[in-house]
Amino acid sequence: MENLDSRLERLERNYRRMQAVALTSLALAGLGLAASLLKEEGHTGELVVSRLTLKDAHGHARATLSANADGDAGLVLTDSEGRPRALLGVSQEGSPKLRFSTAHGTTLAELTVYSDEAPRLAFSKNGGVEFFSVGMFPDGSSRLELADEDGRPRAILGADEHGSPGLLLVDRLGQPRATLRVSPSNSASLVLEGLDGAVFRAPTPVQ
């Protein structure tokens, strides 16, 4: 009859054998997963995925890097509640964008580059109303706008494609009230318009 020591020794051998089999199976499974993710091109290895998500210690997704079928690609960073707060992306047209948002998804700041040469920076209030923007246009002109609480531009400072500057002040109805300009020939002009229709111009037009 098998004694207790022999029985324990046999059970120990069986346990070690099963442990080795389990470890080998896990290793093979890991190699299979790696092989499915790695795509060999020549002598280099490349990880090819359409979406990559990073999670924190609590299992919450905090960063997502993705590319969709429409051609958009971007990195989205979220807070601990899973709400998107920052975006770095490129649209299908090739315009890069950097955006920062509130916890409720309202954009507070956004930097976008259009047509490879037309950057635009905009700031918004918590309610989503844009109150400041500055940018350039493909023709070389530039523009800075300050808006009121309703998002209506009230002060516009700009320069045309030749670099000639101008300042425009607008009332709440969108009507120009003050215009200050310097022309490409370096002549300056000032126009003030009153509520009663009276207009002051400097220099005075030649009669």
Protein backbone atom coordinates (compact mmCIF):
# COMPACT_ATOMS: atom_id res chain seq x y z
CA MET A 1 0.00 0.00 0.00
CA GLU A 2 1.35 3.41 -0.97
CA ASN A 3 2.59 5.29 2.05
CA LEU A 4 1.86 8.93 2.79
CA ASP A 5 5.28 10.23 1.68
CA SER A 6 5.04 8.56 -1.72
CA ARG A 7 1.55 9.87 -2.22
CA LEU A 8 2.58 13.43 -1.39
CA GLU A 9 5.59 13.17 -3.70
CA ARG A 10 3.39 11.95 -6.57
CA LEU A 11 0.87 14.77 -5.99
CA GLU A 12 3.70 17.30 -5.95
CA ARG A 13 5.04 16.02 -9.29
CA ASN A 14 1.57 16.20 -10.83
CA TYR A 15 1.14 19.75 -9.55
CA ARG A 16 4.45 20.87 -11.02
CA ARG A 17 3.56 19.21 -14.34
CA MET A 18 0.18 20.98 -14.47
CA GLN A 19 1.82 24.29 -13.55
CA ALA A 20 4.31 23.91 -16.40
CA VAL A 21 1.49 23.14 -18.84
CA ALA A 22 -0.47 26.17 -17.67
CA LEU A 23 2.51 28.49 -18.01
CA THR A 24 3.26 27.15 -21.46
CA SER A 25 -0.36 27.70 -22.53
CA LEU A 26 -0.29 31.28 -21.27
CA ALA A 27 2.97 31.95 -23.08
CA LEU A 28 1.58 30.55 -26.32
CA ALA A 29 -1.58 32.63 -25.94
CA GLY A 30 0.51 35.75 -25.37
CA LEU A 31 2.58 35.02 -28.45
CA GLY A 32 -0.57 34.51 -30.48
CA LEU A 33 -2.01 37.84 -29.32
CA ALA A 34 1.24 39.64 -30.05
CA ALA A 35 1.41 38.05 -33.47
CA SER A 36 -2.09 39.26 -34.26
CA LEU A 37 -1.17 42.82 -33.32
CA LEU A 38 2.27 42.97 -34.87
CA LYS A 39 2.46 43.41 -38.61
CA GLU A 40 5.87 42.80 -40.05
CA GLU A 41 7.00 45.14 -42.82
CA GLY A 42 10.51 44.30 -43.97
CA HIS A 43 12.76 44.08 -40.94
CA THR A 44 10.72 46.40 -38.68
CA GLY A 45 7.81 45.65 -36.36
CA GLU A 46 4.69 47.82 -36.34
CA LEU A 47 1.69 47.84 -34.04
CA VAL A 48 -1.38 48.39 -36.23
CA VAL A 49 -4.65 49.30 -34.49
CA SER A 50 -7.45 51.72 -35.24
CA ARG A 51 -8.10 52.57 -31.58
CA LEU A 52 -5.89 52.57 -28.49
CA THR A 53 -7.26 53.30 -24.99
CA LEU A 54 -5.28 53.93 -21.80
CA LYS A 55 -6.98 53.35 -18.45
CA ASP A 56 -6.07 54.47 -14.95
CA ALA A 57 -5.69 52.31 -11.84
CA HIS A 58 -9.50 52.30 -11.38
CA GLY A 59 -10.19 51.05 -14.90
CA HIS A 60 -11.43 54.40 -16.21
CA ALA A 61 -10.49 55.34 -19.77
CA ARG A 62 -8.31 58.46 -19.61
CA ALA A 63 -6.74 58.69 -23.08
CA THR A 64 -8.00 57.42 -26.43
CA LEU A 65 -6.02 57.53 -29.65
CA SER A 66 -8.10 56.66 -32.69
CA ALA A 67 -8.48 57.00 -36.45
CA ASN A 68 -11.85 56.55 -38.14
CA ALA A 69 -12.94 55.66 -41.65
CA ASP A 70 -13.69 59.31 -42.49
CA GLY A 71 -10.01 60.21 -42.24
CA ASP A 72 -10.15 62.00 -38.88
CA ALA A 73 -7.49 61.10 -36.33
CA GLY A 74 -7.05 62.35 -32.80
CA LEU A 75 -6.09 61.95 -29.18
CA VAL A 76 -8.80 62.58 -26.57
CA LEU A 77 -7.96 63.05 -22.88
CA THR A 78 -10.74 62.60 -20.32
CA ASP A 79 -11.10 63.36 -16.63
CA SER A 80 -11.67 60.80 -13.88
CA GLU A 81 -15.41 60.77 -14.70
CA GLY A 82 -14.79 59.88 -18.35
CA ARG A 83 -15.67 63.33 -19.71
CA PRO A 84 -13.58 64.60 -22.67
CA ARG A 85 -11.52 67.63 -21.64
CA ALA A 86 -8.77 67.94 -24.26
CA LEU A 87 -8.49 67.03 -27.94
CA LEU A 88 -5.54 66.97 -30.32
CA GLY A 89 -6.68 65.96 -33.78
CA VAL A 90 -6.35 66.27 -37.52
CA SER A 91 -9.43 66.44 -39.75
CA GLN A 92 -9.83 64.56 -43.01
CA GLU A 93 -9.00 67.83 -44.82
CA GLY A 94 -5.64 67.92 -43.01
CA SER A 95 -6.39 70.74 -40.56
CA PRO A 96 -4.79 70.20 -37.12
CA LYS A 97 -6.77 71.26 -34.05
CA LEU A 98 -6.17 71.64 -30.31
CA ARG A 99 -9.26 72.01 -28.11
CA PHE A 100 -9.94 72.36 -24.36
CA SER A 101 -13.44 71.85 -22.94
CA THR A 102 -15.39 72.05 -19.70
CA ALA A 103 -16.68 68.97 -17.89
CA HIS A 104 -20.00 69.47 -19.71
CA GLY A 105 -18.40 69.49 -23.15
CA THR A 106 -18.41 73.23 -23.83
CA THR A 107 -15.35 74.43 -25.74
CA LEU A 108 -13.32 77.04 -23.84
CA ALA A 109 -10.27 77.37 -26.09
CA GLU A 110 -9.52 76.14 -29.58
CA LEU A 111 -6.54 76.49 -31.90
CA THR A 112 -7.04 75.43 -35.52
CA VAL A 113 -4.87 75.73 -38.61
CA TYR A 114 -6.67 75.97 -41.96
CA SER A 115 -5.14 75.59 -45.43
CA ASP A 116 -1.61 75.12 -44.01
CA GLU A 117 -1.26 78.87 -43.47
CA ALA A 118 -4.34 80.20 -41.68
CA PRO A 119 -4.18 79.66 -37.89
CA ARG A 120 -7.06 80.75 -35.65
CA LEU A 121 -7.20 80.95 -31.85
CA ALA A 122 -10.53 81.43 -30.08
CA PHE A 123 -11.62 81.69 -26.43
CA SER A 124 -15.18 81.14 -25.21
CA LYS A 125 -17.11 81.64 -22.00
CA ASN A 126 -18.39 78.70 -19.97
CA GLY A 127 -21.75 79.04 -21.68
CA GLY A 128 -20.19 78.53 -25.09
CA VAL A 129 -20.24 82.16 -26.29
CA GLU A 130 -17.05 83.09 -28.13
CA PHE A 131 -15.68 86.40 -26.84
CA PHE A 132 -12.15 86.53 -28.33
CA SER A 133 -10.64 85.31 -31.58
CA VAL A 134 -7.53 86.08 -33.57
CA GLY A 135 -6.48 84.56 -36.85
CA MET A 136 -4.93 84.84 -40.27
CA PHE A 137 -6.47 84.16 -43.66
CA PRO A 138 -4.99 82.47 -46.74
CA ASP A 139 -4.72 85.85 -48.51
CA GLY A 140 -2.34 87.12 -45.81
CA SER A 141 -4.79 89.36 -43.95
CA SER A 142 -5.30 89.07 -40.19
CA ARG A 143 -8.14 89.83 -37.79
CA LEU A 144 -8.74 90.12 -34.04
CA GLU A 145 -12.27 90.28 -32.64
CA LEU A 146 -13.66 91.11 -29.20
CA ALA A 147 -17.32 90.19 -28.70
CA ASP A 148 -19.97 91.07 -26.12
CA GLU A 149 -21.85 88.69 -23.82
CA ASP A 150 -24.06 87.59 -26.72
CA GLY A 151 -21.14 86.76 -29.00
CA ARG A 152 -21.59 89.80 -31.26
CA PRO A 153 -18.25 91.27 -32.47
CA ARG A 154 -17.88 94.78 -31.01
CA ALA A 155 -14.23 95.65 -31.63
CA ILE A 156 -12.42 94.41 -34.75
CA LEU A 157 -8.74 95.05 -35.30
CA GLY A 158 -7.26 93.83 -38.55
CA ALA A 159 -4.76 94.23 -41.32
CA ASP A 160 -5.31 93.57 -44.99
CA GLU A 161 -3.09 91.48 -47.26
CA HIS A 162 -0.72 94.47 -47.60
CA GLY A 163 -0.41 94.92 -43.84
CA SER A 164 -2.49 98.10 -43.69
CA PRO A 165 -4.20 98.24 -40.25
CA GLY A 166 -7.70 99.22 -39.31
CA LEU A 167 -9.90 99.39 -36.21
CA LEU A 168 -13.70 99.09 -36.31
CA LEU A 169 -16.04 99.66 -33.34
CA VAL A 170 -19.62 98.38 -33.65
CA ASP A 171 -22.75 98.98 -31.58
CA ARG A 172 -25.12 96.30 -30.27
CA LEU A 173 -27.15 96.42 -33.47
CA GLY A 174 -24.11 95.60 -35.60
CA GLN A 175 -23.82 99.13 -36.98
CA PRO A 176 -20.29 100.62 -37.40
CA ARG A 177 -19.78 103.63 -35.12
CA ALA A 178 -16.05 104.32 -35.33
CA THR A 179 -13.53 103.44 -38.02
CA LEU A 180 -9.81 104.18 -37.92
CA ARG A 181 -7.66 103.14 -40.88
CA VAL A 182 -4.24 103.54 -42.39
CA SER A 183 -4.15 102.98 -46.15
CA PRO A 184 -1.38 101.26 -48.14
CA SER A 185 -0.21 104.77 -49.12
CA ASN A 186 0.22 105.59 -45.38
CA SER A 187 -2.66 108.07 -45.25
CA ALA A 188 -4.86 107.89 -42.15
CA SER A 189 -8.61 108.34 -41.82
CA LEU A 190 -11.12 108.50 -38.97
CA VAL A 191 -14.90 108.16 -39.26
CA LEU A 192 -17.34 108.59 -36.36
CA GLU A 193 -21.08 107.97 -36.81
CA GLY A 194 -23.66 109.22 -34.32
CA LEU A 195 -27.07 107.81 -33.50
CA ASP A 196 -28.73 110.78 -35.22
CA GLY A 197 -26.97 110.02 -38.51
CA ALA A 198 -24.33 112.70 -38.11
CA VAL A 199 -20.94 111.67 -39.44
CA PHE A 200 -17.56 113.13 -38.56
CA ARG A 201 -14.67 112.45 -40.93
CA ALA A 202 -11.03 113.30 -40.65
CA PRO A 203 -9.41 114.45 -42.76
CA THR A 204 -12.34 116.45 -44.11
CA PRO A 205 -13.26 115.43 -47.67
CA VAL A 206 -12.27 117.98 -50.29
CA GLN A 207 -15.33 119.85 -51.59
